[in-house]
Amino acid sequence: IFAGLFCVAFACTDEFHQSFVAGRSPA
């Protein structure tokens, strides 16, 4: 639960970060 939620949360923020990068989009 703890490690899994942390990794999923970081993956979500990473995809959100890519929405601000040229030529990248969240998926």
mmCIF file of all heavy atoms, coordinates in Angstrom:
data_MODEL
# 
_entry.id   MODEL 
# 
loop_
_atom_site.group_PDB 
_atom_site.id 
_atom_site.type_symbol 
_atom_site.label_atom_id 
_atom_site.label_alt_id 
_atom_site.label_comp_id 
_atom_site.label_asym_id 
_atom_site.label_entity_id 
_atom_site.label_seq_id 
_atom_site.pdbx_PDB_ins_code 
_atom_site.Cartn_x 
_atom_site.Cartn_y 
_atom_site.Cartn_z 
_atom_site.occupancy 
_atom_site.B_iso_or_equiv 
_atom_site.pdbx_formal_charge 
_atom_site.auth_seq_id 
_atom_site.auth_comp_id 
_atom_site.auth_asym_id 
_atom_site.auth_atom_id 
_atom_site.pdbx_PDB_model_num 
ATOM 1   N N   . ILE A 1 1  ? 0.832  -1.203 0.000   1.00 0.00 ? 1  ILE A N   1 
ATOM 2   C CA  . ILE A 1 1  ? 0.000  0.000  0.000   1.00 0.00 ? 1  ILE A CA  1 
ATOM 3   C C   . ILE A 1 1  ? 0.869  1.257  0.000   1.00 0.00 ? 1  ILE A C   1 
ATOM 4   O O   . ILE A 1 1  ? 0.700  2.150  -0.843  1.00 0.00 ? 1  ILE A O   1 
ATOM 5   C CB  . ILE A 1 1  ? -0.953 0.003  1.210   1.00 0.00 ? 1  ILE A CB  1 
ATOM 6   C CG1 . ILE A 1 1  ? -1.984 -1.126 1.076   1.00 0.00 ? 1  ILE A CG1 1 
ATOM 7   C CG2 . ILE A 1 1  ? -1.656 1.342  1.345   1.00 0.00 ? 1  ILE A CG2 1 
ATOM 8   C CD1 . ILE A 1 1  ? -2.898 -0.989 -0.122  1.00 0.00 ? 1  ILE A CD1 1 
ATOM 9   N N   . PHE A 1 2  ? 1.800  1.336  0.944   1.00 0.00 ? 2  PHE A N   1 
ATOM 10  C CA  . PHE A 1 2  ? 2.578  2.562  1.098   1.00 0.00 ? 2  PHE A CA  1 
ATOM 11  C C   . PHE A 1 2  ? 3.506  2.795  -0.097  1.00 0.00 ? 2  PHE A C   1 
ATOM 12  O O   . PHE A 1 2  ? 3.488  3.869  -0.720  1.00 0.00 ? 2  PHE A O   1 
ATOM 13  C CB  . PHE A 1 2  ? 3.385  2.512  2.394   1.00 0.00 ? 2  PHE A CB  1 
ATOM 14  C CG  . PHE A 1 2  ? 3.995  3.820  2.778   1.00 0.00 ? 2  PHE A CG  1 
ATOM 15  C CD1 . PHE A 1 2  ? 3.326  4.715  3.588   1.00 0.00 ? 2  PHE A CD1 1 
ATOM 16  C CD2 . PHE A 1 2  ? 5.262  4.159  2.325   1.00 0.00 ? 2  PHE A CD2 1 
ATOM 17  C CE1 . PHE A 1 2  ? 3.893  5.927  3.932   1.00 0.00 ? 2  PHE A CE1 1 
ATOM 18  C CE2 . PHE A 1 2  ? 5.842  5.362  2.661   1.00 0.00 ? 2  PHE A CE2 1 
ATOM 19  C CZ  . PHE A 1 2  ? 5.155  6.250  3.465   1.00 0.00 ? 2  PHE A CZ  1 
ATOM 20  N N   . ALA A 1 3  ? 4.353  1.787  -0.402  1.00 0.00 ? 3  ALA A N   1 
ATOM 21  C CA  . ALA A 1 3  ? 5.298  1.950  -1.515  1.00 0.00 ? 3  ALA A CA  1 
ATOM 22  C C   . ALA A 1 3  ? 4.567  2.057  -2.848  1.00 0.00 ? 3  ALA A C   1 
ATOM 23  O O   . ALA A 1 3  ? 4.954  2.848  -3.721  1.00 0.00 ? 3  ALA A O   1 
ATOM 24  C CB  . ALA A 1 3  ? 6.278  0.779  -1.537  1.00 0.00 ? 3  ALA A CB  1 
ATOM 25  N N   . GLY A 1 4  ? 3.489  1.272  -3.012  1.00 0.00 ? 4  GLY A N   1 
ATOM 26  C CA  . GLY A 1 4  ? 2.733  1.310  -4.263  1.00 0.00 ? 4  GLY A CA  1 
ATOM 27  C C   . GLY A 1 4  ? 2.072  2.658  -4.501  1.00 0.00 ? 4  GLY A C   1 
ATOM 28  O O   . GLY A 1 4  ? 2.159  3.222  -5.600  1.00 0.00 ? 4  GLY A O   1 
ATOM 29  N N   . LEU A 1 5  ? 1.416  3.195  -3.462  1.00 0.00 ? 5  LEU A N   1 
ATOM 30  C CA  . LEU A 1 5  ? 0.760  4.498  -3.601  1.00 0.00 ? 5  LEU A CA  1 
ATOM 31  C C   . LEU A 1 5  ? 1.778  5.606  -3.867  1.00 0.00 ? 5  LEU A C   1 
ATOM 32  O O   . LEU A 1 5  ? 1.515  6.531  -4.643  1.00 0.00 ? 5  LEU A O   1 
ATOM 33  C CB  . LEU A 1 5  ? -0.051 4.815  -2.347  1.00 0.00 ? 5  LEU A CB  1 
ATOM 34  C CG  . LEU A 1 5  ? -1.345 4.020  -2.165  1.00 0.00 ? 5  LEU A CG  1 
ATOM 35  C CD1 . LEU A 1 5  ? -2.025 4.402  -0.855  1.00 0.00 ? 5  LEU A CD1 1 
ATOM 36  C CD2 . LEU A 1 5  ? -2.294 4.244  -3.350  1.00 0.00 ? 5  LEU A CD2 1 
ATOM 37  N N   . PHE A 1 6  ? 2.934  5.493  -3.223  1.00 0.00 ? 6  PHE A N   1 
ATOM 38  C CA  . PHE A 1 6  ? 3.969  6.507  -3.446  1.00 0.00 ? 6  PHE A CA  1 
ATOM 39  C C   . PHE A 1 6  ? 4.423  6.496  -4.906  1.00 0.00 ? 6  PHE A C   1 
ATOM 40  O O   . PHE A 1 6  ? 4.544  7.554  -5.536  1.00 0.00 ? 6  PHE A O   1 
ATOM 41  C CB  . PHE A 1 6  ? 5.162  6.267  -2.519  1.00 0.00 ? 6  PHE A CB  1 
ATOM 42  C CG  . PHE A 1 6  ? 6.237  7.303  -2.650  1.00 0.00 ? 6  PHE A CG  1 
ATOM 43  C CD1 . PHE A 1 6  ? 6.200  8.452  -1.889  1.00 0.00 ? 6  PHE A CD1 1 
ATOM 44  C CD2 . PHE A 1 6  ? 7.295  7.125  -3.538  1.00 0.00 ? 6  PHE A CD2 1 
ATOM 45  C CE1 . PHE A 1 6  ? 7.189  9.425  -2.014  1.00 0.00 ? 6  PHE A CE1 1 
ATOM 46  C CE2 . PHE A 1 6  ? 8.285  8.085  -3.666  1.00 0.00 ? 6  PHE A CE2 1 
ATOM 47  C CZ  . PHE A 1 6  ? 8.234  9.234  -2.903  1.00 0.00 ? 6  PHE A CZ  1 
ATOM 48  N N   . CYS A 1 7  ? 4.688  5.305  -5.441  1.00 0.00 ? 7  CYS A N   1 
ATOM 49  C CA  . CYS A 1 7  ? 5.149  5.206  -6.832  1.00 0.00 ? 7  CYS A CA  1 
ATOM 50  C C   . CYS A 1 7  ? 4.074  5.653  -7.814  1.00 0.00 ? 7  CYS A C   1 
ATOM 51  O O   . CYS A 1 7  ? 4.372  6.340  -8.802  1.00 0.00 ? 7  CYS A O   1 
ATOM 52  C CB  . CYS A 1 7  ? 5.589  3.766  -7.127  1.00 0.00 ? 7  CYS A CB  1 
ATOM 53  S SG  . CYS A 1 7  ? 7.081  3.246  -6.246  1.00 0.00 ? 7  CYS A SG  1 
ATOM 54  N N   . VAL A 1 8  ? 2.827  5.282  -7.546  1.00 0.00 ? 8  VAL A N   1 
ATOM 55  C CA  . VAL A 1 8  ? 1.733  5.703  -8.439  1.00 0.00 ? 8  VAL A CA  1 
ATOM 56  C C   . VAL A 1 8  ? 1.569  7.219  -8.392  1.00 0.00 ? 8  VAL A C   1 
ATOM 57  O O   . VAL A 1 8  ? 1.369  7.872  -9.429  1.00 0.00 ? 8  VAL A O   1 
ATOM 58  C CB  . VAL A 1 8  ? 0.421  5.001  -8.045  1.00 0.00 ? 8  VAL A CB  1 
ATOM 59  C CG1 . VAL A 1 8  ? -0.752 5.576  -8.819  1.00 0.00 ? 8  VAL A CG1 1 
ATOM 60  C CG2 . VAL A 1 8  ? 0.532  3.499  -8.307  1.00 0.00 ? 8  VAL A CG2 1 
ATOM 61  N N   . ALA A 1 9  ? 1.653  7.791  -7.191  1.00 0.00 ? 9  ALA A N   1 
ATOM 62  C CA  . ALA A 1 9  ? 1.531  9.242  -7.061  1.00 0.00 ? 9  ALA A CA  1 
ATOM 63  C C   . ALA A 1 9  ? 2.661  9.956  -7.802  1.00 0.00 ? 9  ALA A C   1 
ATOM 64  O O   . ALA A 1 9  ? 2.436  10.970 -8.484  1.00 0.00 ? 9  ALA A O   1 
ATOM 65  C CB  . ALA A 1 9  ? 1.528  9.641  -5.581  1.00 0.00 ? 9  ALA A CB  1 
ATOM 66  N N   . PHE A 1 10 ? 3.868  9.412  -7.689  1.00 0.00 ? 10 PHE A N   1 
ATOM 67  C CA  . PHE A 1 10 ? 4.989  10.030 -8.395  1.00 0.00 ? 10 PHE A CA  1 
ATOM 68  C C   . PHE A 1 10 ? 4.828  9.878  -9.904  1.00 0.00 ? 10 PHE A C   1 
ATOM 69  O O   . PHE A 1 10 ? 5.179  10.790 -10.668 1.00 0.00 ? 10 PHE A O   1 
ATOM 70  C CB  . PHE A 1 10 ? 6.309  9.413  -7.942  1.00 0.00 ? 10 PHE A CB  1 
ATOM 71  C CG  . PHE A 1 10 ? 7.514  10.064 -8.545  1.00 0.00 ? 10 PHE A CG  1 
ATOM 72  C CD1 . PHE A 1 10 ? 7.936  11.310 -8.107  1.00 0.00 ? 10 PHE A CD1 1 
ATOM 73  C CD2 . PHE A 1 10 ? 8.232  9.444  -9.564  1.00 0.00 ? 10 PHE A CD2 1 
ATOM 74  C CE1 . PHE A 1 10 ? 9.052  11.930 -8.671  1.00 0.00 ? 10 PHE A CE1 1 
ATOM 75  C CE2 . PHE A 1 10 ? 9.338  10.057 -10.126 1.00 0.00 ? 10 PHE A CE2 1 
ATOM 76  C CZ  . PHE A 1 10 ? 9.749  11.302 -9.683  1.00 0.00 ? 10 PHE A CZ  1 
ATOM 77  N N   . ALA A 1 11 ? 4.293  8.744  -10.359 1.00 0.00 ? 11 ALA A N   1 
ATOM 78  C CA  . ALA A 1 11 ? 4.048  8.552  -11.792 1.00 0.00 ? 11 ALA A CA  1 
ATOM 79  C C   . ALA A 1 11 ? 3.031  9.565  -12.309 1.00 0.00 ? 11 ALA A C   1 
ATOM 80  O O   . ALA A 1 11 ? 3.187  10.104 -13.414 1.00 0.00 ? 11 ALA A O   1 
ATOM 81  C CB  . ALA A 1 11 ? 3.561  7.125  -12.048 1.00 0.00 ? 11 ALA A CB  1 
ATOM 82  N N   . CYS A 1 12 ? 2.011  9.841  -11.505 1.00 0.00 ? 12 CYS A N   1 
ATOM 83  C CA  . CYS A 1 12 ? 1.002  10.830 -11.909 1.00 0.00 ? 12 CYS A CA  1 
ATOM 84  C C   . CYS A 1 12 ? 1.609  12.227 -12.010 1.00 0.00 ? 12 CYS A C   1 
ATOM 85  O O   . CYS A 1 12 ? 1.350  12.962 -12.975 1.00 0.00 ? 12 CYS A O   1 
ATOM 86  C CB  . CYS A 1 12 ? -0.161 10.832 -10.918 1.00 0.00 ? 12 CYS A CB  1 
ATOM 87  S SG  . CYS A 1 12 ? -1.151 9.312  -10.938 1.00 0.00 ? 12 CYS A SG  1 
ATOM 88  N N   . THR A 1 13 ? 2.424  12.583 -11.019 1.00 0.00 ? 13 THR A N   1 
ATOM 89  C CA  . THR A 1 13 ? 3.059  13.906 -11.065 1.00 0.00 ? 13 THR A CA  1 
ATOM 90  C C   . THR A 1 13 ? 4.062  13.988 -12.216 1.00 0.00 ? 13 THR A C   1 
ATOM 91  O O   . THR A 1 13 ? 4.233  15.063 -12.816 1.00 0.00 ? 13 THR A O   1 
ATOM 92  C CB  . THR A 1 13 ? 3.773  14.207 -9.739  1.00 0.00 ? 13 THR A CB  1 
ATOM 93  O OG1 . THR A 1 13 ? 4.751  13.181 -9.467  1.00 0.00 ? 13 THR A OG1 1 
ATOM 94  C CG2 . THR A 1 13 ? 2.778  14.246 -8.589  1.00 0.00 ? 13 THR A CG2 1 
ATOM 95  N N   . ASP A 1 14 ? 4.703  12.864 -12.528 1.00 0.00 ? 14 ASP A N   1 
ATOM 96  C CA  . ASP A 1 14 ? 5.657  12.855 -13.639 1.00 0.00 ? 14 ASP A CA  1 
ATOM 97  C C   . ASP A 1 14 ? 4.941  13.071 -14.969 1.00 0.00 ? 14 ASP A C   1 
ATOM 98  O O   . ASP A 1 14 ? 5.425  13.827 -15.825 1.00 0.00 ? 14 ASP A O   1 
ATOM 99  C CB  . ASP A 1 14 ? 6.416  11.530 -13.642 1.00 0.00 ? 14 ASP A CB  1 
ATOM 100 C CG  . ASP A 1 14 ? 7.462  11.464 -14.744 1.00 0.00 ? 14 ASP A CG  1 
ATOM 101 O OD1 . ASP A 1 14 ? 8.304  12.372 -14.809 1.00 0.00 ? 14 ASP A OD1 1 
ATOM 102 O OD2 . ASP A 1 14 ? 7.435  10.510 -15.540 1.00 0.00 ? 14 ASP A OD2 1 
ATOM 103 N N   . GLU A 1 15 ? 3.798  12.435 -15.149 1.00 0.00 ? 15 GLU A N   1 
ATOM 104 C CA  . GLU A 1 15 ? 3.017  12.639 -16.370 1.00 0.00 ? 15 GLU A CA  1 
ATOM 105 C C   . GLU A 1 15 ? 2.493  14.073 -16.444 1.00 0.00 ? 15 GLU A C   1 
ATOM 106 O O   . GLU A 1 15 ? 2.463  14.679 -17.520 1.00 0.00 ? 15 GLU A O   1 
ATOM 107 C CB  . GLU A 1 15 ? 1.864  11.639 -16.442 1.00 0.00 ? 15 GLU A CB  1 
ATOM 108 C CG  . GLU A 1 15 ? 2.289  10.197 -16.629 1.00 0.00 ? 15 GLU A CG  1 
ATOM 109 C CD  . GLU A 1 15 ? 3.053  9.976  -17.929 1.00 0.00 ? 15 GLU A CD  1 
ATOM 110 O OE1 . GLU A 1 15 ? 2.655  10.549 -18.971 1.00 0.00 ? 15 GLU A OE1 1 
ATOM 111 O OE2 . GLU A 1 15 ? 4.053  9.238  -17.908 1.00 0.00 ? 15 GLU A OE2 1 
ATOM 112 N N   . PHE A 1 16 ? 2.080  14.616 -15.307 1.00 0.00 ? 16 PHE A N   1 
ATOM 113 C CA  . PHE A 1 16 ? 1.630  16.010 -15.275 1.00 0.00 ? 16 PHE A CA  1 
ATOM 114 C C   . PHE A 1 16 ? 2.771  16.956 -15.636 1.00 0.00 ? 16 PHE A C   1 
ATOM 115 O O   . PHE A 1 16 ? 2.581  17.956 -16.346 1.00 0.00 ? 16 PHE A O   1 
ATOM 116 C CB  . PHE A 1 16 ? 1.083  16.342 -13.883 1.00 0.00 ? 16 PHE A CB  1 
ATOM 117 C CG  . PHE A 1 16 ? 0.625  17.758 -13.743 1.00 0.00 ? 16 PHE A CG  1 
ATOM 118 C CD1 . PHE A 1 16 ? -0.542 18.194 -14.364 1.00 0.00 ? 16 PHE A CD1 1 
ATOM 119 C CD2 . PHE A 1 16 ? 1.359  18.668 -12.999 1.00 0.00 ? 16 PHE A CD2 1 
ATOM 120 C CE1 . PHE A 1 16 ? -0.967 19.511 -14.240 1.00 0.00 ? 16 PHE A CE1 1 
ATOM 121 C CE2 . PHE A 1 16 ? 0.946  19.990 -12.873 1.00 0.00 ? 16 PHE A CE2 1 
ATOM 122 C CZ  . PHE A 1 16 ? -0.226 20.412 -13.493 1.00 0.00 ? 16 PHE A CZ  1 
ATOM 123 N N   . HIS A 1 17 ? 3.980  16.612 -15.168 1.00 0.00 ? 17 HIS A N   1 
ATOM 124 C CA  . HIS A 1 17 ? 5.158  17.420 -15.501 1.00 0.00 ? 17 HIS A CA  1 
ATOM 125 C C   . HIS A 1 17 ? 5.431  17.399 -17.001 1.00 0.00 ? 17 HIS A C   1 
ATOM 126 O O   . HIS A 1 17 ? 5.831  18.421 -17.590 1.00 0.00 ? 17 HIS A O   1 
ATOM 127 C CB  . HIS A 1 17 ? 6.365  16.886 -14.714 1.00 0.00 ? 17 HIS A CB  1 
ATOM 128 C CG  . HIS A 1 17 ? 7.676  17.362 -15.237 1.00 0.00 ? 17 HIS A CG  1 
ATOM 129 N ND1 . HIS A 1 17 ? 8.668  16.487 -15.666 1.00 0.00 ? 17 HIS A ND1 1 
ATOM 130 C CD2 . HIS A 1 17 ? 8.182  18.611 -15.432 1.00 0.00 ? 17 HIS A CD2 1 
ATOM 131 C CE1 . HIS A 1 17 ? 9.711  17.184 -16.083 1.00 0.00 ? 17 HIS A CE1 1 
ATOM 132 N NE2 . HIS A 1 17 ? 9.453  18.473 -15.950 1.00 0.00 ? 17 HIS A NE2 1 
ATOM 133 N N   . GLN A 1 18 ? 5.184  16.268 -17.657 1.00 0.00 ? 18 GLN A N   1 
ATOM 134 C CA  . GLN A 1 18 ? 5.447  16.161 -19.088 1.00 0.00 ? 18 GLN A CA  1 
ATOM 135 C C   . GLN A 1 18 ? 4.501  17.033 -19.919 1.00 0.00 ? 18 GLN A C   1 
ATOM 136 O O   . GLN A 1 18 ? 4.805  17.352 -21.077 1.00 0.00 ? 18 GLN A O   1 
ATOM 137 C CB  . GLN A 1 18 ? 5.332  14.702 -19.535 1.00 0.00 ? 18 GLN A CB  1 
ATOM 138 C CG  . GLN A 1 18 ? 6.441  13.804 -19.016 1.00 0.00 ? 18 GLN A CG  1 
ATOM 139 C CD  . GLN A 1 18 ? 6.329  12.377 -19.510 1.00 0.00 ? 18 GLN A CD  1 
ATOM 140 O OE1 . GLN A 1 18 ? 5.899  12.132 -20.632 1.00 0.00 ? 18 GLN A OE1 1 
ATOM 141 N NE2 . GLN A 1 18 ? 6.731  11.424 -18.684 1.00 0.00 ? 18 GLN A NE2 1 
ATOM 142 N N   . SER A 1 19 ? 3.364  17.410 -19.328 1.00 0.00 ? 19 SER A N   1 
ATOM 143 C CA  . SER A 1 19 ? 2.431  18.261 -20.068 1.00 0.00 ? 19 SER A CA  1 
ATOM 144 C C   . SER A 1 19 ? 2.988  19.664 -20.291 1.00 0.00 ? 19 SER A C   1 
ATOM 145 O O   . SER A 1 19 ? 2.476  20.417 -21.126 1.00 0.00 ? 19 SER A O   1 
ATOM 146 C CB  . SER A 1 19 ? 1.091  18.352 -19.315 1.00 0.00 ? 19 SER A CB  1 
ATOM 147 O OG  . SER A 1 19 ? 1.271  18.971 -18.052 1.00 0.00 ? 19 SER A OG  1 
ATOM 148 N N   . PHE A 1 20 ? 4.032  20.022 -19.548 1.00 0.00 ? 20 PHE A N   1 
ATOM 149 C CA  . PHE A 1 20 ? 4.671  21.327 -19.708 1.00 0.00 ? 20 PHE A CA  1 
ATOM 150 C C   . PHE A 1 20 ? 5.933  21.267 -20.565 1.00 0.00 ? 20 PHE A C   1 
ATOM 151 O O   . PHE A 1 20 ? 6.602  22.275 -20.748 1.00 0.00 ? 20 PHE A O   1 
ATOM 152 C CB  . PHE A 1 20 ? 5.034  21.914 -18.337 1.00 0.00 ? 20 PHE A CB  1 
ATOM 153 C CG  . PHE A 1 20 ? 3.847  22.129 -17.443 1.00 0.00 ? 20 PHE A CG  1 
ATOM 154 C CD1 . PHE A 1 20 ? 3.494  21.195 -16.486 1.00 0.00 ? 20 PHE A CD1 1 
ATOM 155 C CD2 . PHE A 1 20 ? 3.062  23.270 -17.569 1.00 0.00 ? 20 PHE A CD2 1 
ATOM 156 C CE1 . PHE A 1 20 ? 2.407  21.390 -15.659 1.00 0.00 ? 20 PHE A CE1 1 
ATOM 157 C CE2 . PHE A 1 20 ? 1.969  23.478 -16.740 1.00 0.00 ? 20 PHE A CE2 1 
ATOM 158 C CZ  . PHE A 1 20 ? 1.634  22.539 -15.791 1.00 0.00 ? 20 PHE A CZ  1 
ATOM 159 N N   . VAL A 1 21 ? 6.267  20.070 -21.063 1.00 0.00 ? 21 VAL A N   1 
ATOM 160 C CA  . VAL A 1 21 ? 7.476  19.885 -21.864 1.00 0.00 ? 21 VAL A CA  1 
ATOM 161 C C   . VAL A 1 21 ? 7.093  19.856 -23.339 1.00 0.00 ? 21 VAL A C   1 
ATOM 162 O O   . VAL A 1 21 ? 6.101  19.212 -23.720 1.00 0.00 ? 21 VAL A O   1 
ATOM 163 C CB  . VAL A 1 21 ? 8.205  18.588 -21.471 1.00 0.00 ? 21 VAL A CB  1 
ATOM 164 C CG1 . VAL A 1 21 ? 9.469  18.401 -22.313 1.00 0.00 ? 21 VAL A CG1 1 
ATOM 165 C CG2 . VAL A 1 21 ? 8.561  18.605 -19.998 1.00 0.00 ? 21 VAL A CG2 1 
ATOM 166 N N   . ALA A 1 22 ? 7.880  20.538 -24.158 1.00 0.00 ? 22 ALA A N   1 
ATOM 167 C CA  . ALA A 1 22 ? 7.586  20.608 -25.589 1.00 0.00 ? 22 ALA A CA  1 
ATOM 168 C C   . ALA A 1 22 ? 7.623  19.223 -26.221 1.00 0.00 ? 22 ALA A C   1 
ATOM 169 O O   . ALA A 1 22 ? 8.582  18.459 -26.024 1.00 0.00 ? 22 ALA A O   1 
ATOM 170 C CB  . ALA A 1 22 ? 8.604  21.536 -26.277 1.00 0.00 ? 22 ALA A CB  1 
ATOM 171 N N   . GLY A 1 23 ? 6.571  18.913 -26.980 1.00 0.00 ? 23 GLY A N   1 
ATOM 172 C CA  . GLY A 1 23 ? 6.509  17.638 -27.678 1.00 0.00 ? 23 GLY A CA  1 
ATOM 173 C C   . GLY A 1 23 ? 6.147  16.454 -26.806 1.00 0.00 ? 23 GLY A C   1 
ATOM 174 O O   . GLY A 1 23 ? 6.168  15.309 -27.275 1.00 0.00 ? 23 GLY A O   1 
ATOM 175 N N   . ARG A 1 24 ? 5.804  16.700 -25.538 1.00 0.00 ? 24 ARG A N   1 
ATOM 176 C CA  . ARG A 1 24 ? 5.420  15.617 -24.631 1.00 0.00 ? 24 ARG A CA  1 
ATOM 177 C C   . ARG A 1 24 ? 3.987  15.848 -24.164 1.00 0.00 ? 24 ARG A C   1 
ATOM 178 O O   . ARG A 1 24 ? 3.495  16.984 -24.139 1.00 0.00 ? 24 ARG A O   1 
ATOM 179 C CB  . ARG A 1 24 ? 6.346  15.549 -23.413 1.00 0.00 ? 24 ARG A CB  1 
ATOM 180 C CG  . ARG A 1 24 ? 7.823  15.459 -23.720 1.00 0.00 ? 24 ARG A CG  1 
ATOM 181 C CD  . ARG A 1 24 ? 8.215  14.110 -24.284 1.00 0.00 ? 24 ARG A CD  1 
ATOM 182 N NE  . ARG A 1 24 ? 8.080  13.049 -23.324 1.00 0.00 ? 24 ARG A NE  1 
ATOM 183 C CZ  . ARG A 1 24 ? 9.060  12.670 -22.483 1.00 0.00 ? 24 ARG A CZ  1 
ATOM 184 N NH1 . ARG A 1 24 ? 10.229 13.312 -22.520 1.00 0.00 ? 24 ARG A NH1 1 
ATOM 185 N NH2 . ARG A 1 24 ? 8.895  11.674 -21.659 1.00 0.00 ? 24 ARG A NH2 1 
ATOM 186 N N   . SER A 1 25 ? 3.328  14.784 -23.760 1.00 0.00 ? 25 SER A N   1 
ATOM 187 C CA  . SER A 1 25 ? 1.951  14.892 -23.265 1.00 0.00 ? 25 SER A CA  1 
ATOM 188 C C   . SER A 1 25 ? 1.712  13.784 -22.252 1.00 0.00 ? 25 SER A C   1 
ATOM 189 O O   . SER A 1 25 ? 2.297  12.696 -22.353 1.00 0.00 ? 25 SER A O   1 
ATOM 190 C CB  . SER A 1 25 ? 0.939  14.791 -24.415 1.00 0.00 ? 25 SER A CB  1 
ATOM 191 O OG  . SER A 1 25 ? 1.086  13.550 -25.096 1.00 0.00 ? 25 SER A OG  1 
ATOM 192 N N   . PRO A 1 26 ? 0.870  14.028 -21.244 1.00 0.00 ? 26 PRO A N   1 
ATOM 193 C CA  . PRO A 1 26 ? 0.579  12.993 -20.242 1.00 0.00 ? 26 PRO A CA  1 
ATOM 194 C C   . PRO A 1 26 ? -0.253 11.864 -20.845 1.00 0.00 ? 26 PRO A C   1 
ATOM 195 O O   . PRO A 1 26 ? -1.041 12.070 -21.770 1.00 0.00 ? 26 PRO A O   1 
ATOM 196 C CB  . PRO A 1 26 ? -0.203 13.757 -19.168 1.00 0.00 ? 26 PRO A CB  1 
ATOM 197 C CG  . PRO A 1 26 ? -0.808 14.905 -19.881 1.00 0.00 ? 26 PRO A CG  1 
ATOM 198 C CD  . PRO A 1 26 ? 0.145  15.289 -20.961 1.00 0.00 ? 26 PRO A CD  1 
ATOM 199 N N   . ALA A 1 27 ? -0.060 10.663 -20.314 1.00 0.00 ? 27 ALA A N   1 
ATOM 200 C CA  . ALA A 1 27 ? -0.798 9.499  -20.814 1.00 0.00 ? 27 ALA A CA  1 
ATOM 201 C C   . ALA A 1 27 ? -1.152 8.579  -19.649 1.00 0.00 ? 27 ALA A C   1 
ATOM 202 O O   . ALA A 1 27 ? -0.279 8.228  -18.844 1.00 0.00 ? 27 ALA A O   1 
ATOM 203 C CB  . ALA A 1 27 ? 0.031  8.750  -21.860 1.00 0.00 ? 27 ALA A CB  1 
# 
